[in-house]
Amino acid sequence: MAARMRNQFHTQCIGHNFRKVPILPLTGSTQSAVRHLSIQTQDTPNPRSLKFLPGKPVLGAGTLDFPSPSSAECSSLARNLFEIEGVKSVFYGPDFITVTKADDDVEWTDIKHHVMDAITKFFDSGDPITTGVTHHESMMEDGGDIIFKGFENGTVKLKLVGSCTGCPSSTDTLKNGIQNMLQFYIPEVDDVEQ
């Protein structure tokens, strides 16, 4: 049964078409569900980004960045957030979710409650925050790639190629993105190096 569900999800993940959902008024039951989870928001230095604190662990450790809908293929929450009109990117931290709106024409008052509703529904579902997340596609989208070179004594050896070679954010990508993701799924991983 679990294998069938995994295969079914994988197929849905690959074939998922993103659509924008028009902004509609919230129902009373949705508003009470949001209050029940007690999601708080926090401003960030970027006025286009808002930090959502659900009062529960999101990743527990590390971060994951979803700069576009295509990078969110295996995170149901990120996919649902991208369906909200005006959402440009999604970022997960240990205990928060940062949503960035597309431009200044989109008002937080128009989308904030829809983001909170999506977060509440996600946590109510009990689904995992990610399923098989990879950084490979997002790196390819940026004009680069990552190649697995080996695993020895707890260290994963990778090679960044294309635009990722010499990129100022490559160390951050390796340590805060790839290493944290691998350690989350594979406890034997101690380090990631290039």
C-alpha atoms as a PDB file:
ATOM      1  CA  MET A   1       0.000   0.000   0.000  1.00  0.00           C
ATOM      2  CA  ALA A   2       2.763   2.475   0.969  1.00  0.00           C
ATOM      3  CA  ALA A   3       4.676   1.730  -2.248  1.00  0.00           C
ATOM      4  CA  ARG A   4       1.536   2.330  -4.277  1.00  0.00           C
ATOM      5  CA  MET A   5       0.981   5.663  -2.513  1.00  0.00           C
ATOM      6  CA  ARG A   6       4.625   6.676  -3.057  1.00  0.00           C
ATOM      7  CA  ASN A   7       4.404   5.855  -6.762  1.00  0.00           C
ATOM      8  CA  GLN A   8       1.091   7.645  -7.040  1.00  0.00           C
ATOM      9  CA  PHE A   9       2.555  10.742  -5.338  1.00  0.00           C
ATOM     10  CA  HIS A  10       5.683  10.634  -7.493  1.00  0.00           C
ATOM     11  CA  THR A  11       3.538  10.568 -10.624  1.00  0.00           C
ATOM     12  CA  GLN A  12       1.470  13.472  -9.334  1.00  0.00           C
ATOM     13  CA  CYS A  13       4.657  15.340  -8.420  1.00  0.00           C
ATOM     14  CA  ILE A  14       6.097  15.037 -11.915  1.00  0.00           C
ATOM     15  CA  GLY A  15       2.837  15.790 -13.701  1.00  0.00           C
ATOM     16  CA  HIS A  16       1.703  18.605 -11.413  1.00  0.00           C
ATOM     17  CA  ASN A  17       0.554  21.697 -13.290  1.00  0.00           C
ATOM     18  CA  PHE A  18       0.619  24.877 -11.263  1.00  0.00           C
ATOM     19  CA  ARG A  19      -2.319  27.197 -11.407  1.00  0.00           C
ATOM     20  CA  LYS A  20      -3.043  30.466  -9.685  1.00  0.00           C
ATOM     21  CA  VAL A  21      -6.034  30.540  -7.353  1.00  0.00           C
ATOM     22  CA  PRO A  22      -8.061  33.740  -7.278  1.00  0.00           C
ATOM     23  CA  ILE A  23      -8.203  35.461  -3.910  1.00  0.00           C
ATOM     24  CA  LEU A  24     -11.577  34.791  -2.248  1.00  0.00           C
ATOM     25  CA  PRO A  25     -13.007  35.759   1.144  1.00  0.00           C
ATOM     26  CA  LEU A  26     -12.290  33.252   3.915  1.00  0.00           C
ATOM     27  CA  THR A  27     -15.088  31.302   5.587  1.00  0.00           C
ATOM     28  CA  GLY A  28     -15.671  31.408   9.337  1.00  0.00           C
ATOM     29  CA  SER A  29     -14.396  27.839   9.779  1.00  0.00           C
ATOM     30  CA  THR A  30     -11.136  28.685   8.023  1.00  0.00           C
ATOM     31  CA  GLN A  31     -10.597  31.682  10.272  1.00  0.00           C
ATOM     32  CA  SER A  32     -11.125  29.618  13.425  1.00  0.00           C
ATOM     33  CA  ALA A  33      -8.710  26.959  12.135  1.00  0.00           C
ATOM     34  CA  VAL A  34      -6.071  29.654  11.647  1.00  0.00           C
ATOM     35  CA  ARG A  35      -6.630  30.927  15.197  1.00  0.00           C
ATOM     36  CA  HIS A  36      -6.386  27.364  16.557  1.00  0.00           C
ATOM     37  CA  LEU A  37      -2.878  26.877  15.100  1.00  0.00           C
ATOM     38  CA  SER A  38      -1.840  30.343  16.344  1.00  0.00           C
ATOM     39  CA  ILE A  39       0.267  31.275  13.332  1.00  0.00           C
ATOM     40  CA  GLN A  40       2.183  34.464  13.976  1.00  0.00           C
ATOM     41  CA  THR A  41       3.806  36.678  11.370  1.00  0.00           C
ATOM     42  CA  GLN A  42       7.011  38.645  11.545  1.00  0.00           C
ATOM     43  CA  ASP A  43       8.259  41.359   9.221  1.00  0.00           C
ATOM     44  CA  THR A  44      11.591  40.835   7.485  1.00  0.00           C
ATOM     45  CA  PRO A  45      14.084  43.398   6.141  1.00  0.00           C
ATOM     46  CA  ASN A  46      12.574  42.701   2.698  1.00  0.00           C
ATOM     47  CA  PRO A  47       9.088  44.307   2.534  1.00  0.00           C
ATOM     48  CA  ARG A  48       8.080  41.739  -0.097  1.00  0.00           C
ATOM     49  CA  SER A  49       8.767  38.858   2.329  1.00  0.00           C
ATOM     50  CA  LEU A  50       6.793  37.885   5.412  1.00  0.00           C
ATOM     51  CA  LYS A  51       7.838  35.264   7.958  1.00  0.00           C
ATOM     52  CA  PHE A  52       5.099  32.883   9.161  1.00  0.00           C
ATOM     53  CA  LEU A  53       5.668  31.171  12.525  1.00  0.00           C
ATOM     54  CA  PRO A  54       3.255  28.226  12.951  1.00  0.00           C
ATOM     55  CA  GLY A  55       4.377  27.474  16.521  1.00  0.00           C
ATOM     56  CA  LYS A  56       5.505  24.020  15.373  1.00  0.00           C
ATOM     57  CA  PRO A  57       8.745  22.743  13.834  1.00  0.00           C
ATOM     58  CA  VAL A  58       8.842  23.170  10.055  1.00  0.00           C
ATOM     59  CA  LEU A  59      12.148  21.507   9.121  1.00  0.00           C
ATOM     60  CA  GLY A  60      13.566  21.105  12.608  1.00  0.00           C
ATOM     61  CA  ALA A  61      17.045  21.890  11.253  1.00  0.00           C
ATOM     62  CA  GLY A  62      18.387  23.507   8.105  1.00  0.00           C
ATOM     63  CA  THR A  63      16.614  25.408   5.360  1.00  0.00           C
ATOM     64  CA  LEU A  64      14.990  24.727   1.999  1.00  0.00           C
ATOM     65  CA  ASP A  65      14.461  27.333  -0.707  1.00  0.00           C
ATOM     66  CA  PHE A  66      11.737  27.146  -3.360  1.00  0.00           C
ATOM     67  CA  PRO A  67      12.457  30.074  -5.717  1.00  0.00           C
ATOM     68  CA  SER A  68       9.786  29.015  -8.228  1.00  0.00           C
ATOM     69  CA  PRO A  69       6.801  26.662  -8.568  1.00  0.00           C
ATOM     70  CA  SER A  70       8.911  24.170 -10.529  1.00  0.00           C
ATOM     71  CA  SER A  71      11.303  23.813  -7.581  1.00  0.00           C
ATOM     72  CA  ALA A  72       8.431  22.842  -5.257  1.00  0.00           C
ATOM     73  CA  GLU A  73       7.531  19.589  -6.975  1.00  0.00           C
ATOM     74  CA  CYS A  74       7.830  17.445  -3.850  1.00  0.00           C
ATOM     75  CA  SER A  75       6.550  19.732  -1.111  1.00  0.00           C
ATOM     76  CA  SER A  76       2.780  19.863  -0.959  1.00  0.00           C
ATOM     77  CA  LEU A  77       2.826  22.946   1.255  1.00  0.00           C
ATOM     78  CA  ALA A  78       5.109  24.892  -1.098  1.00  0.00           C
ATOM     79  CA  ARG A  79       2.977  23.826  -4.088  1.00  0.00           C
ATOM     80  CA  ASN A  80      -0.168  25.034  -2.331  1.00  0.00           C
ATOM     81  CA  LEU A  81       1.465  28.341  -1.426  1.00  0.00           C
ATOM     82  CA  PHE A  82       2.500  28.887  -5.061  1.00  0.00           C
ATOM     83  CA  GLU A  83      -1.149  28.440  -6.076  1.00  0.00           C
ATOM     84  CA  ILE A  84      -1.995  31.645  -4.210  1.00  0.00           C
ATOM     85  CA  GLU A  85      -2.050  34.559  -6.609  1.00  0.00           C
ATOM     86  CA  GLY A  86       0.893  36.877  -5.930  1.00  0.00           C
ATOM     87  CA  VAL A  87       3.275  34.371  -4.281  1.00  0.00           C
ATOM     88  CA  LYS A  88       6.749  34.475  -5.866  1.00  0.00           C
ATOM     89  CA  SER A  89       8.881  32.226  -3.616  1.00  0.00           C
ATOM     90  CA  VAL A  90       8.769  30.081  -0.472  1.00  0.00           C
ATOM     91  CA  PHE A  91      11.522  29.398   2.059  1.00  0.00           C
ATOM     92  CA  TYR A  92      11.464  26.902   4.965  1.00  0.00           C
ATOM     93  CA  GLY A  93      13.500  27.303   8.126  1.00  0.00           C
ATOM     94  CA  PRO A  94      13.660  25.225  11.302  1.00  0.00           C
ATOM     95  CA  ASP A  95      10.465  26.758  12.743  1.00  0.00           C
ATOM     96  CA  PHE A  96       9.240  29.227  10.121  1.00  0.00           C
ATOM     97  CA  ILE A  97       8.045  29.642   6.543  1.00  0.00           C
ATOM     98  CA  THR A  98       8.952  32.805   4.633  1.00  0.00           C
ATOM     99  CA  VAL A  99       6.745  33.756   1.703  1.00  0.00           C
ATOM    100  CA  THR A 100       7.837  36.390  -0.804  1.00  0.00           C
ATOM    101  CA  LYS A 101       5.232  38.165  -2.902  1.00  0.00           C
ATOM    102  CA  ALA A 102       5.738  38.852  -6.594  1.00  0.00           C
ATOM    103  CA  ASP A 103       5.737  42.651  -6.489  1.00  0.00           C
ATOM    104  CA  ASP A 104       4.541  45.741  -4.649  1.00  0.00           C
ATOM    105  CA  ASP A 105       1.181  45.642  -6.463  1.00  0.00           C
ATOM    106  CA  VAL A 106       0.266  42.594  -4.351  1.00  0.00           C
ATOM    107  CA  GLU A 107      -0.867  43.643  -0.870  1.00  0.00           C
ATOM    108  CA  TRP A 108      -0.143  41.452   2.164  1.00  0.00           C
ATOM    109  CA  THR A 109      -3.680  42.156   3.348  1.00  0.00           C
ATOM    110  CA  ASP A 110      -4.921  40.369   0.208  1.00  0.00           C
ATOM    111  CA  ILE A 111      -2.861  37.188   0.542  1.00  0.00           C
ATOM    112  CA  LYS A 112      -1.789  36.823   4.194  1.00  0.00           C
ATOM    113  CA  HIS A 113      -4.911  34.942   5.316  1.00  0.00           C
ATOM    114  CA  HIS A 114      -4.713  32.622   2.305  1.00  0.00           C
ATOM    115  CA  VAL A 115      -1.113  31.773   3.214  1.00  0.00           C
ATOM    116  CA  MET A 116      -2.166  31.125   6.817  1.00  0.00           C
ATOM    117  CA  ASP A 117      -5.035  28.935   5.607  1.00  0.00           C
ATOM    118  CA  ALA A 118      -2.666  26.856   3.426  1.00  0.00           C
ATOM    119  CA  ILE A 119      -0.228  26.441   6.344  1.00  0.00           C
ATOM    120  CA  THR A 120      -3.042  25.411   8.705  1.00  0.00           C
ATOM    121  CA  LYS A 121      -4.429  22.865   6.244  1.00  0.00           C
ATOM    122  CA  PHE A 122      -0.943  21.461   5.724  1.00  0.00           C
ATOM    123  CA  PHE A 123      -0.277  20.946   9.446  1.00  0.00           C
ATOM    124  CA  ASP A 124      -3.778  19.493   9.922  1.00  0.00           C
ATOM    125  CA  SER A 125      -3.073  16.962   7.142  1.00  0.00           C
ATOM    126  CA  GLY A 126      -0.113  15.381   8.935  1.00  0.00           C
ATOM    127  CA  ASP A 127       1.799  15.177   5.623  1.00  0.00           C
ATOM    128  CA  PRO A 128       5.615  15.368   5.704  1.00  0.00           C
ATOM    129  CA  ILE A 129       7.076  18.780   4.846  1.00  0.00           C
ATOM    130  CA  THR A 130       9.103  17.254   2.002  1.00  0.00           C
ATOM    131  CA  THR A 131       9.230  14.029   0.060  1.00  0.00           C
ATOM    132  CA  GLY A 132      12.416  13.407  -1.893  1.00  0.00           C
ATOM    133  CA  VAL A 133      13.433  17.052  -2.207  1.00  0.00           C
ATOM    134  CA  THR A 134      16.418  17.650  -4.453  1.00  0.00           C
ATOM    135  CA  HIS A 135      18.531  20.706  -5.136  1.00  0.00           C
ATOM    136  CA  HIS A 136      19.467  19.318  -8.546  1.00  0.00           C
ATOM    137  CA  GLU A 137      16.639  20.947 -10.516  1.00  0.00           C
ATOM    138  CA  SER A 138      17.013  24.329  -8.856  1.00  0.00           C
ATOM    139  CA  MET A 139      20.741  24.311  -9.630  1.00  0.00           C
ATOM    140  CA  MET A 140      20.032  23.362 -13.243  1.00  0.00           C
ATOM    141  CA  GLU A 141      17.513  26.192 -13.420  1.00  0.00           C
ATOM    142  CA  ASP A 142      20.353  28.547 -12.422  1.00  0.00           C
ATOM    143  CA  GLY A 143      22.616  27.166 -15.181  1.00  0.00           C
ATOM    144  CA  GLY A 144      24.605  24.682 -13.123  1.00  0.00           C
ATOM    145  CA  ASP A 145      24.482  21.168 -11.786  1.00  0.00           C
ATOM    146  CA  ILE A 146      25.730  18.962  -8.985  1.00  0.00           C
ATOM    147  CA  ILE A 147      27.539  15.647  -9.460  1.00  0.00           C
ATOM    148  CA  PHE A 148      27.913  12.954  -6.782  1.00  0.00           C
ATOM    149  CA  LYS A 149      31.587  11.908  -6.555  1.00  0.00           C
ATOM    150  CA  GLY A 150      31.498   9.555  -3.562  1.00  0.00           C
ATOM    151  CA  PHE A 151      30.881   8.875   0.117  1.00  0.00           C
ATOM    152  CA  GLU A 152      33.730   8.154   2.525  1.00  0.00           C
ATOM    153  CA  ASN A 153      33.919   8.174   6.346  1.00  0.00           C
ATOM    154  CA  GLY A 154      30.667  10.132   6.713  1.00  0.00           C
ATOM    155  CA  THR A 155      31.616  12.720   4.079  1.00  0.00           C
ATOM    156  CA  VAL A 156      29.647  13.139   0.859  1.00  0.00           C
ATOM    157  CA  LYS A 157      31.847  14.384  -1.979  1.00  0.00           C
ATOM    158  CA  LEU A 158      30.152  16.489  -4.629  1.00  0.00           C
ATOM    159  CA  LYS A 159      31.244  18.536  -7.611  1.00  0.00           C
ATOM    160  CA  LEU A 160      29.446  21.719  -8.600  1.00  0.00           C
ATOM    161  CA  VAL A 161      29.604  22.473 -12.322  1.00  0.00           C
ATOM    162  CA  GLY A 162      28.388  25.136 -14.732  1.00  0.00           C
ATOM    163  CA  SER A 163      27.311  28.416 -13.160  1.00  0.00           C
ATOM    164  CA  CYS A 164      27.626  26.783  -9.717  1.00  0.00           C
ATOM    165  CA  THR A 165      31.428  26.618 -10.088  1.00  0.00           C
ATOM    166  CA  GLY A 166      32.885  29.504  -8.120  1.00  0.00           C
ATOM    167  CA  CYS A 167      29.447  30.905  -7.291  1.00  0.00           C
ATOM    168  CA  PRO A 168      29.572  33.016  -4.101  1.00  0.00           C
ATOM    169  CA  SER A 169      26.553  31.150  -2.699  1.00  0.00           C
ATOM    170  CA  SER A 170      27.912  27.650  -3.462  1.00  0.00           C
ATOM    171  CA  THR A 171      29.263  27.132   0.082  1.00  0.00           C
ATOM    172  CA  ASP A 172      25.916  28.187   1.519  1.00  0.00           C
ATOM    173  CA  THR A 173      24.123  25.834  -0.890  1.00  0.00           C
ATOM    174  CA  LEU A 174      26.399  22.940   0.096  1.00  0.00           C
ATOM    175  CA  LYS A 175      26.295  23.485   3.864  1.00  0.00           C
ATOM    176  CA  ASN A 176      22.845  24.925   4.506  1.00  0.00           C
ATOM    177  CA  GLY A 177      20.951  23.244   1.717  1.00  0.00           C
ATOM    178  CA  ILE A 178      22.418  19.970   0.548  1.00  0.00           C
ATOM    179  CA  GLN A 179      24.209  18.939   3.757  1.00  0.00           C
ATOM    180  CA  ASN A 180      21.167  19.638   5.940  1.00  0.00           C
ATOM    181  CA  MET A 181      18.860  17.789   3.568  1.00  0.00           C
ATOM    182  CA  LEU A 182      21.168  14.761   3.396  1.00  0.00           C
ATOM    183  CA  GLN A 183      21.596  14.689   7.186  1.00  0.00           C
ATOM    184  CA  PHE A 184      17.822  14.866   7.578  1.00  0.00           C
ATOM    185  CA  TYR A 185      17.327  11.755   5.426  1.00  0.00           C
ATOM    186  CA  ILE A 186      20.656   9.943   6.038  1.00  0.00           C
ATOM    187  CA  PRO A 187      21.930  10.213   9.638  1.00  0.00           C
ATOM    188  CA  GLU A 188      25.329   8.738   8.669  1.00  0.00           C
ATOM    189  CA  VAL A 189      26.214  11.916   6.740  1.00  0.00           C
ATOM    190  CA  ASP A 190      28.553  14.100   8.814  1.00  0.00           C
ATOM    191  CA  ASP A 191      29.784  16.523   6.172  1.00  0.00           C
ATOM    192  CA  VAL A 192      29.473  17.564   2.530  1.00  0.00           C
ATOM    193  CA  GLU A 193      32.476  18.847   0.627  1.00  0.00           C
ATOM    194  CA  GLN A 194      33.335  19.897  -2.870  1.00  0.00           C
END
